Amino acid sequence: MTNEQGSFKASFKVLQEAAQCLRAQEEPDIDNLLSTVVASVKAYQDCNARVNAVEQALKEAFAKVDEGAAAGGKDASRSAGDAKRAAAVNKEPDSPSDDIPF
């Protein structure tokens, strides 16, 4: 898991640096734009894959908790905290962040 976390962190850093570079430009640096975009797309794909994997793992973990509660004779309804966590996992992004220029 350390490799995946490092990969996510490294990819996220690439995205942050690209965004900062693009924000700081007073004039477009067209000569370096393609390499920045290619690196950013790869970093985004890496980050997105990791986020999706974590989201799936969380869904599975919550499903196991719910199954255990139902099998144990406990109230299978979710507490407010469980409902909030499930909603956060299942939430689709409203829109891309306006903060990122690409």
C-alpha atoms as a PDB file:
ATOM      1  CA  MET A   1       0.000   0.000   0.000  1.00  0.00           C
ATOM      2  CA  THR A   2       2.906   2.328   0.540  1.00  0.00           C
ATOM      3  CA  ASN A   3       3.719   2.167  -3.174  1.00  0.00           C
ATOM      4  CA  GLU A   4       0.165   3.136  -4.110  1.00  0.00           C
ATOM      5  CA  GLN A   5       0.119   5.993  -1.589  1.00  0.00           C
ATOM      6  CA  GLY A   6       3.472   7.228  -2.858  1.00  0.00           C
ATOM      7  CA  SER A   7       2.238   6.998  -6.397  1.00  0.00           C
ATOM      8  CA  PHE A   8      -0.898   8.957  -5.531  1.00  0.00           C
ATOM      9  CA  LYS A   9       1.096  11.592  -3.687  1.00  0.00           C
ATOM     10  CA  ALA A  10       3.612  11.904  -6.518  1.00  0.00           C
ATOM     11  CA  SER A  11       0.857  12.146  -9.125  1.00  0.00           C
ATOM     12  CA  PHE A  12      -1.058  14.681  -7.068  1.00  0.00           C
ATOM     13  CA  LYS A  13       2.111  16.742  -6.727  1.00  0.00           C
ATOM     14  CA  VAL A  14       2.522  16.708 -10.526  1.00  0.00           C
ATOM     15  CA  LEU A  15      -1.012  18.087 -10.840  1.00  0.00           C
ATOM     16  CA  GLN A  16      -0.408  20.765  -8.219  1.00  0.00           C
ATOM     17  CA  GLU A  17       2.833  21.874  -9.840  1.00  0.00           C
ATOM     18  CA  ALA A  18       1.255  21.996 -13.304  1.00  0.00           C
ATOM     19  CA  ALA A  19      -1.666  24.047 -12.018  1.00  0.00           C
ATOM     20  CA  GLN A  20       0.673  26.436 -10.200  1.00  0.00           C
ATOM     21  CA  CYS A  21       2.844  26.811 -13.293  1.00  0.00           C
ATOM     22  CA  LEU A  22      -0.160  27.567 -15.503  1.00  0.00           C
ATOM     23  CA  ARG A  23      -1.599  30.047 -12.988  1.00  0.00           C
ATOM     24  CA  ALA A  24       1.722  31.878 -12.683  1.00  0.00           C
ATOM     25  CA  GLN A  25       2.169  32.383 -16.421  1.00  0.00           C
ATOM     26  CA  GLU A  26       1.553  35.861 -17.686  1.00  0.00           C
ATOM     27  CA  GLU A  27       1.906  34.647 -21.258  1.00  0.00           C
ATOM     28  CA  PRO A  28       1.175  31.101 -22.429  1.00  0.00           C
ATOM     29  CA  ASP A  29       4.291  28.946 -22.701  1.00  0.00           C
ATOM     30  CA  ILE A  30       3.171  27.078 -25.787  1.00  0.00           C
ATOM     31  CA  ASP A  31       6.537  25.334 -26.184  1.00  0.00           C
ATOM     32  CA  ASN A  32       6.103  23.452 -22.898  1.00  0.00           C
ATOM     33  CA  LEU A  33       2.320  23.164 -22.913  1.00  0.00           C
ATOM     34  CA  LEU A  34       2.128  19.738 -24.538  1.00  0.00           C
ATOM     35  CA  SER A  35       4.572  18.129 -22.110  1.00  0.00           C
ATOM     36  CA  THR A  36       2.734  19.713 -19.165  1.00  0.00           C
ATOM     37  CA  VAL A  37      -0.625  18.465 -20.424  1.00  0.00           C
ATOM     38  CA  VAL A  38       0.648  14.947 -21.155  1.00  0.00           C
ATOM     39  CA  ALA A  39       2.205  14.649 -17.691  1.00  0.00           C
ATOM     40  CA  SER A  40      -0.940  16.086 -16.085  1.00  0.00           C
ATOM     41  CA  VAL A  41      -3.259  13.673 -17.894  1.00  0.00           C
ATOM     42  CA  LYS A  42      -1.159  10.703 -16.769  1.00  0.00           C
ATOM     43  CA  ALA A  43      -1.066  12.011 -13.192  1.00  0.00           C
ATOM     44  CA  TYR A  44      -4.836  12.580 -13.238  1.00  0.00           C
ATOM     45  CA  GLN A  45      -5.443   9.028 -14.464  1.00  0.00           C
ATOM     46  CA  ASP A  46      -3.217   7.634 -11.696  1.00  0.00           C
ATOM     47  CA  CYS A  47      -4.978   9.690  -9.011  1.00  0.00           C
ATOM     48  CA  ASN A  48      -8.423   8.861 -10.360  1.00  0.00           C
ATOM     49  CA  ALA A  49      -7.671   5.119 -10.431  1.00  0.00           C
ATOM     50  CA  ARG A  50      -6.514   5.225  -6.817  1.00  0.00           C
ATOM     51  CA  VAL A  51      -9.535   7.225  -5.669  1.00  0.00           C
ATOM     52  CA  ASN A  52     -11.839   4.746  -7.427  1.00  0.00           C
ATOM     53  CA  ALA A  53     -10.069   1.799  -5.782  1.00  0.00           C
ATOM     54  CA  VAL A  54     -10.382   3.362  -2.331  1.00  0.00           C
ATOM     55  CA  GLU A  55     -14.032   4.217  -2.966  1.00  0.00           C
ATOM     56  CA  GLN A  56     -14.755   0.594  -3.936  1.00  0.00           C
ATOM     57  CA  ALA A  57     -12.923  -0.699  -0.863  1.00  0.00           C
ATOM     58  CA  LEU A  58     -14.968   1.611   1.362  1.00  0.00           C
ATOM     59  CA  LYS A  59     -18.238   0.451  -0.216  1.00  0.00           C
ATOM     60  CA  GLU A  60     -17.239  -3.159   0.398  1.00  0.00           C
ATOM     61  CA  ALA A  61     -16.225  -2.423   3.990  1.00  0.00           C
ATOM     62  CA  PHE A  62     -19.525  -0.654   4.714  1.00  0.00           C
ATOM     63  CA  ALA A  63     -21.445  -3.532   3.111  1.00  0.00           C
ATOM     64  CA  LYS A  64     -19.663  -6.011   5.401  1.00  0.00           C
ATOM     65  CA  VAL A  65     -20.497  -3.891   8.438  1.00  0.00           C
ATOM     66  CA  ASP A  66     -24.138  -3.742   7.393  1.00  0.00           C
ATOM     67  CA  GLU A  67     -24.230  -7.528   6.806  1.00  0.00           C
ATOM     68  CA  GLY A  68     -22.653  -8.146  10.201  1.00  0.00           C
ATOM     69  CA  ALA A  69     -25.180  -5.915  11.928  1.00  0.00           C
ATOM     70  CA  ALA A  70     -28.087  -7.667  10.209  1.00  0.00           C
ATOM     71  CA  ALA A  71     -26.697 -11.147  10.952  1.00  0.00           C
ATOM     72  CA  GLY A  72     -26.025 -10.292  14.578  1.00  0.00           C
ATOM     73  CA  GLY A  73     -29.669  -9.469  15.241  1.00  0.00           C
ATOM     74  CA  LYS A  74     -28.870  -5.811  15.663  1.00  0.00           C
ATOM     75  CA  ASP A  75     -30.897  -3.047  14.086  1.00  0.00           C
ATOM     76  CA  ALA A  76     -29.829  -3.070  10.441  1.00  0.00           C
ATOM     77  CA  SER A  77     -30.810   0.539   9.906  1.00  0.00           C
ATOM     78  CA  ARG A  78     -27.938   2.921   9.566  1.00  0.00           C
ATOM     79  CA  SER A  79     -27.000   5.439  12.179  1.00  0.00           C
ATOM     80  CA  ALA A  80     -26.631   9.050  11.100  1.00  0.00           C
ATOM     81  CA  GLY A  81     -22.846   8.613  10.875  1.00  0.00           C
ATOM     82  CA  ASP A  82     -23.144   5.502   8.700  1.00  0.00           C
ATOM     83  CA  ALA A  83     -25.583   7.257   6.383  1.00  0.00           C
ATOM     84  CA  LYS A  84     -23.261  10.251   6.026  1.00  0.00           C
ATOM     85  CA  ARG A  85     -20.273   8.015   5.230  1.00  0.00           C
ATOM     86  CA  ALA A  86     -22.274   6.061   2.647  1.00  0.00           C
ATOM     87  CA  ALA A  87     -23.525   9.281   1.068  1.00  0.00           C
ATOM     88  CA  ALA A  88     -19.968  10.622   0.866  1.00  0.00           C
ATOM     89  CA  VAL A  89     -18.738   7.435  -0.812  1.00  0.00           C
ATOM     90  CA  ASN A  90     -21.613   7.394  -3.305  1.00  0.00           C
ATOM     91  CA  LYS A  91     -21.576  11.111  -4.060  1.00  0.00           C
ATOM     92  CA  GLU A  92     -20.832  12.130  -7.612  1.00  0.00           C
ATOM     93  CA  PRO A  93     -18.816  15.321  -8.009  1.00  0.00           C
ATOM     94  CA  ASP A  94     -21.095  18.279  -8.721  1.00  0.00           C
ATOM     95  CA  SER A  95     -18.736  19.870 -11.189  1.00  0.00           C
ATOM     96  CA  PRO A  96     -15.033  20.118 -11.846  1.00  0.00           C
ATOM     97  CA  SER A  97     -13.276  22.589  -9.637  1.00  0.00           C
ATOM     98  CA  ASP A  98     -13.145  26.066 -11.089  1.00  0.00           C
ATOM     99  CA  ASP A  99      -9.801  26.470  -9.337  1.00  0.00           C
ATOM    100  CA  ILE A 100      -7.964  24.178 -11.769  1.00  0.00           C
ATOM    101  CA  PRO A 101      -7.286  25.916 -15.073  1.00  0.00           C
ATOM    102  CA  PHE A 102      -7.159  22.750 -17.164  1.00  0.00           C
END
